[in-house]
Amino acid sequence: IIYLKEKLPHIRVVGVELSKDLANVAYSKGLSASELIVGSGYQLPFVNEEFDVVIETGMLHHVKYPSKIIDEMQR
């Protein structure tokens, strides 16, 4: 998120982190709670079609129902 913010300051970037501890690490590096929310990929707190692009990086193999998370990302 920090990298994207630096390279593309004109776009809105929002991340979702399940772990409060890992989110706190990101907050200590300068991210705000609106840029990185603590939450589950199974129930994203966004309205339908709120984003133009959604990216998942290295987490689907950690979840029990990856297809449900993909469905939520596409929503």
C-alpha atoms as a PDB file:
ATOM      1  CA  ILE A   1       0.000   0.000   0.000  1.00  0.00           C
ATOM      2  CA  ILE A   2       2.809   2.375   0.858  1.00  0.00           C
ATOM      3  CA  TYR A   3       4.524   1.622  -2.459  1.00  0.00           C
ATOM      4  CA  LEU A   4       1.339   2.203  -4.452  1.00  0.00           C
ATOM      5  CA  LYS A   5       0.619   5.424  -2.576  1.00  0.00           C
ATOM      6  CA  GLU A   6       4.109   6.720  -3.407  1.00  0.00           C
ATOM      7  CA  LYS A   7       3.984   5.731  -7.079  1.00  0.00           C
ATOM      8  CA  LEU A   8       0.337   6.599  -7.713  1.00  0.00           C
ATOM      9  CA  PRO A   9      -0.637   9.351  -5.278  1.00  0.00           C
ATOM     10  CA  HIS A  10      -3.730  10.267  -7.306  1.00  0.00           C
ATOM     11  CA  ILE A  11      -5.515   6.940  -6.678  1.00  0.00           C
ATOM     12  CA  ARG A  12      -7.250   5.568  -3.605  1.00  0.00           C
ATOM     13  CA  VAL A  13      -5.605   2.450  -2.210  1.00  0.00           C
ATOM     14  CA  VAL A  14      -7.224   0.434   0.590  1.00  0.00           C
ATOM     15  CA  GLY A  15      -5.941  -2.781   2.118  1.00  0.00           C
ATOM     16  CA  VAL A  16      -7.564  -5.380   4.345  1.00  0.00           C
ATOM     17  CA  GLU A  17      -5.616  -7.163   7.077  1.00  0.00           C
ATOM     18  CA  LEU A  18      -7.062  -9.891   9.294  1.00  0.00           C
ATOM     19  CA  SER A  19      -4.419  -9.548  12.005  1.00  0.00           C
ATOM     20  CA  LYS A  20      -4.678  -6.535  14.310  1.00  0.00           C
ATOM     21  CA  ASP A  21      -1.007  -6.984  15.218  1.00  0.00           C
ATOM     22  CA  LEU A  22       0.120  -6.822  11.584  1.00  0.00           C
ATOM     23  CA  ALA A  23      -2.158  -3.851  10.943  1.00  0.00           C
ATOM     24  CA  ASN A  24      -0.514  -2.063  13.877  1.00  0.00           C
ATOM     25  CA  VAL A  25       2.884  -2.612  12.249  1.00  0.00           C
ATOM     26  CA  ALA A  26       1.568  -0.957   9.089  1.00  0.00           C
ATOM     27  CA  TYR A  27       0.078   1.915  11.092  1.00  0.00           C
ATOM     28  CA  SER A  28       3.457   2.478  12.732  1.00  0.00           C
ATOM     29  CA  LYS A  29       4.905   2.868   9.222  1.00  0.00           C
ATOM     30  CA  GLY A  30       2.469   5.641   8.369  1.00  0.00           C
ATOM     31  CA  LEU A  31      -0.681   4.004   7.053  1.00  0.00           C
ATOM     32  CA  SER A  32      -3.988   5.225   8.400  1.00  0.00           C
ATOM     33  CA  ALA A  33      -6.936   3.121   9.517  1.00  0.00           C
ATOM     34  CA  SER A  34      -8.801   4.212   6.377  1.00  0.00           C
ATOM     35  CA  GLU A  35      -5.953   2.957   4.178  1.00  0.00           C
ATOM     36  CA  LEU A  36      -5.628  -0.394   5.937  1.00  0.00           C
ATOM     37  CA  ILE A  37      -8.674  -1.794   7.633  1.00  0.00           C
ATOM     38  CA  VAL A  38      -8.756  -4.757   9.973  1.00  0.00           C
ATOM     39  CA  GLY A  39     -11.287  -7.234   8.692  1.00  0.00           C
ATOM     40  CA  SER A  40     -12.089 -10.516   7.020  1.00  0.00           C
ATOM     41  CA  GLY A  41     -11.950 -11.238   3.318  1.00  0.00           C
ATOM     42  CA  TYR A  42     -15.196 -13.154   3.714  1.00  0.00           C
ATOM     43  CA  GLN A  43     -17.161  -9.979   4.522  1.00  0.00           C
ATOM     44  CA  LEU A  44     -15.553  -6.862   3.103  1.00  0.00           C
ATOM     45  CA  PRO A  45     -17.035  -3.628   4.463  1.00  0.00           C
ATOM     46  CA  PHE A  46     -17.463  -1.993   1.069  1.00  0.00           C
ATOM     47  CA  VAL A  47     -20.455  -1.384  -1.164  1.00  0.00           C
ATOM     48  CA  ASN A  48     -20.847  -3.311  -4.404  1.00  0.00           C
ATOM     49  CA  GLU A  49     -18.532  -2.104  -7.181  1.00  0.00           C
ATOM     50  CA  GLU A  50     -16.776   0.411  -4.912  1.00  0.00           C
ATOM     51  CA  PHE A  51     -13.390  -0.360  -6.477  1.00  0.00           C
ATOM     52  CA  ASP A  52     -12.194  -0.545 -10.060  1.00  0.00           C
ATOM     53  CA  VAL A  53      -9.389  -3.006  -9.280  1.00  0.00           C
ATOM     54  CA  VAL A  54      -8.935  -5.605  -6.539  1.00  0.00           C
ATOM     55  CA  ILE A  55      -5.628  -7.379  -5.924  1.00  0.00           C
ATOM     56  CA  GLU A  56      -4.979 -10.404  -3.724  1.00  0.00           C
ATOM     57  CA  THR A  57      -1.410 -11.213  -2.819  1.00  0.00           C
ATOM     58  CA  GLY A  58      -0.429 -14.458  -1.165  1.00  0.00           C
ATOM     59  CA  MET A  59      -3.319 -15.225   1.117  1.00  0.00           C
ATOM     60  CA  LEU A  60      -5.817 -17.506  -0.626  1.00  0.00           C
ATOM     61  CA  HIS A  61      -3.838 -20.625   0.231  1.00  0.00           C
ATOM     62  CA  HIS A  62      -4.243 -19.730   3.928  1.00  0.00           C
ATOM     63  CA  VAL A  63      -8.057 -19.743   3.977  1.00  0.00           C
ATOM     64  CA  LYS A  64     -10.530 -22.602   4.159  1.00  0.00           C
ATOM     65  CA  TYR A  65     -12.890 -21.295   1.450  1.00  0.00           C
ATOM     66  CA  PRO A  66     -10.873 -19.322  -1.127  1.00  0.00           C
ATOM     67  CA  SER A  67     -13.742 -19.278  -3.621  1.00  0.00           C
ATOM     68  CA  LYS A  68     -15.913 -17.374  -1.122  1.00  0.00           C
ATOM     69  CA  ILE A  69     -13.221 -14.736  -0.770  1.00  0.00           C
ATOM     70  CA  ILE A  70     -12.880 -14.483  -4.541  1.00  0.00           C
ATOM     71  CA  ASP A  71     -16.648 -14.015  -4.823  1.00  0.00           C
ATOM     72  CA  GLU A  72     -16.480 -11.229  -2.239  1.00  0.00           C
ATOM     73  CA  MET A  73     -13.580  -9.561  -4.078  1.00  0.00           C
ATOM     74  CA  GLN A  74     -15.573  -9.598  -7.318  1.00  0.00           C
ATOM     75  CA  ARG A  75     -18.607  -8.095  -5.660  1.00  0.00           C
END
